């Protein structure tokens, strides 16, 4: 998802998840509407069914690389998802 499309998202229409580590979020804050679930715990959160499937998941990280890697996991568990291309460093 491009930066332009990300900025046009209607709050509440999707679930935005910041997958960066805790220390990264402290140095550069998450978008206001984002939930924070570090990538290292994401698979566990999915397996415990703690991430809802009723909304499209939009993942964000610093550059977008980790989000691209996470797309296969989300697809394998039946989630509709996308990610912020270029990461939040470009917001």
Protein backbone atom coordinates (compact mmCIF):
# COMPACT_ATOMS: atom_id res chain seq x y z
CA UNK A 1 0.00 0.00 0.00
CA UNK A 2 1.38 3.37 -0.95
CA UNK A 3 1.82 6.20 1.52
CA UNK A 4 -0.97 8.10 -0.25
CA UNK A 5 -3.43 5.19 0.13
CA UNK A 6 -2.36 4.65 3.74
CA UNK A 7 -3.09 8.26 4.60
CA UNK A 8 -6.57 7.95 3.03
CA UNK A 9 -7.59 4.98 5.23
CA UNK A 10 -10.77 5.54 7.19
CA UNK A 11 -10.05 5.04 10.91
CA UNK A 12 -11.61 1.81 12.13
CA UNK A 13 -12.06 0.35 8.64
CA UNK A 14 -8.84 -1.69 8.96
CA UNK A 15 -6.59 -2.88 11.75
CA UNK A 16 -3.20 -1.14 11.57
CA UNK A 17 -0.47 -3.07 13.38
CA UNK A 18 3.02 -1.72 14.06
CA UNK A 19 5.31 -4.77 14.10
CA UNK A 20 8.49 -2.99 15.19
CA UNK A 21 10.25 -3.85 18.43
CA UNK A 22 9.52 -1.89 21.62
CA UNK A 23 12.71 0.19 21.46
CA UNK A 24 11.95 1.22 17.87
CA UNK A 25 8.50 2.47 18.81
CA UNK A 26 10.06 4.55 21.59
CA UNK A 27 12.38 6.28 19.13
CA UNK A 28 9.77 6.83 16.38
CA UNK A 29 6.16 6.61 17.48
CA UNK A 30 3.47 4.53 15.78
CA UNK A 31 0.67 6.02 13.72
CA UNK A 32 -2.03 7.14 16.19
CA UNK A 33 -4.51 4.39 15.32
CA UNK A 34 -1.97 1.52 15.25
CA UNK A 35 -1.83 -1.41 17.64
CA UNK A 36 1.66 -2.54 18.59
CA UNK A 37 2.49 -6.23 18.20
CA UNK A 38 6.23 -6.90 17.76
CA UNK A 39 7.00 -9.18 14.82
CA UNK A 40 8.68 -11.74 17.08
CA UNK A 41 5.35 -12.31 18.87
CA UNK A 42 3.06 -12.03 15.85
CA UNK A 43 2.84 -15.75 15.00
CA UNK A 44 2.01 -16.58 18.61
CA UNK A 45 -0.72 -13.92 18.65
CA UNK A 46 -2.23 -15.42 15.47
CA UNK A 47 -2.10 -18.97 16.84
CA UNK A 48 -3.86 -17.85 20.01
CA UNK A 49 -6.48 -16.16 17.79
CA UNK A 50 -5.81 -12.78 19.40
CA UNK A 51 -5.72 -10.97 16.06
CA UNK A 52 -9.21 -10.51 14.63
CA UNK A 53 -10.07 -11.65 11.11
CA UNK A 54 -13.03 -9.32 10.62
CA UNK A 55 -10.88 -6.44 9.32
CA UNK A 56 -8.08 -6.16 6.81
CA UNK A 57 -4.70 -6.07 8.57
CA UNK A 58 -2.30 -3.31 7.53
CA UNK A 59 1.18 -3.83 8.94
CA UNK A 60 3.78 -1.11 9.37
CA UNK A 61 7.45 -1.25 10.27
CA UNK A 62 10.41 1.07 9.78
CA UNK A 63 11.17 0.34 6.11
CA UNK A 64 8.54 -2.18 4.98
CA UNK A 65 10.92 -5.17 4.77
CA UNK A 66 9.57 -6.99 7.83
CA UNK A 67 6.01 -6.35 6.70
CA UNK A 68 6.68 -7.96 3.32
CA UNK A 69 8.03 -11.03 5.13
CA UNK A 70 4.93 -11.19 7.32
CA UNK A 71 2.49 -11.21 4.39
CA UNK A 72 2.91 -14.97 3.75
CA UNK A 73 2.20 -15.80 7.40
CA UNK A 74 -0.97 -13.72 7.37
CA UNK A 75 -2.12 -15.27 4.08
CA UNK A 76 -1.46 -18.79 5.40
CA UNK A 77 -3.79 -18.09 8.33
CA UNK A 78 -6.51 -16.65 6.11
CA UNK A 79 -6.05 -12.95 6.83
CA UNK A 80 -6.65 -10.24 4.28
CA UNK A 81 -3.63 -7.98 4.61
CA UNK A 82 -1.40 -5.34 3.12
CA UNK A 83 1.53 -3.27 4.35
CA UNK A 84 2.84 0.26 4.16
CA UNK A 85 5.40 0.36 1.36
CA UNK A 86 8.59 2.06 2.45
CA UNK A 87 7.60 1.92 6.11
CA UNK A 88 6.80 4.66 8.58
CA UNK A 89 10.18 6.27 8.01
CA UNK A 90 8.59 7.81 4.90
CA UNK A 91 5.36 9.04 6.48
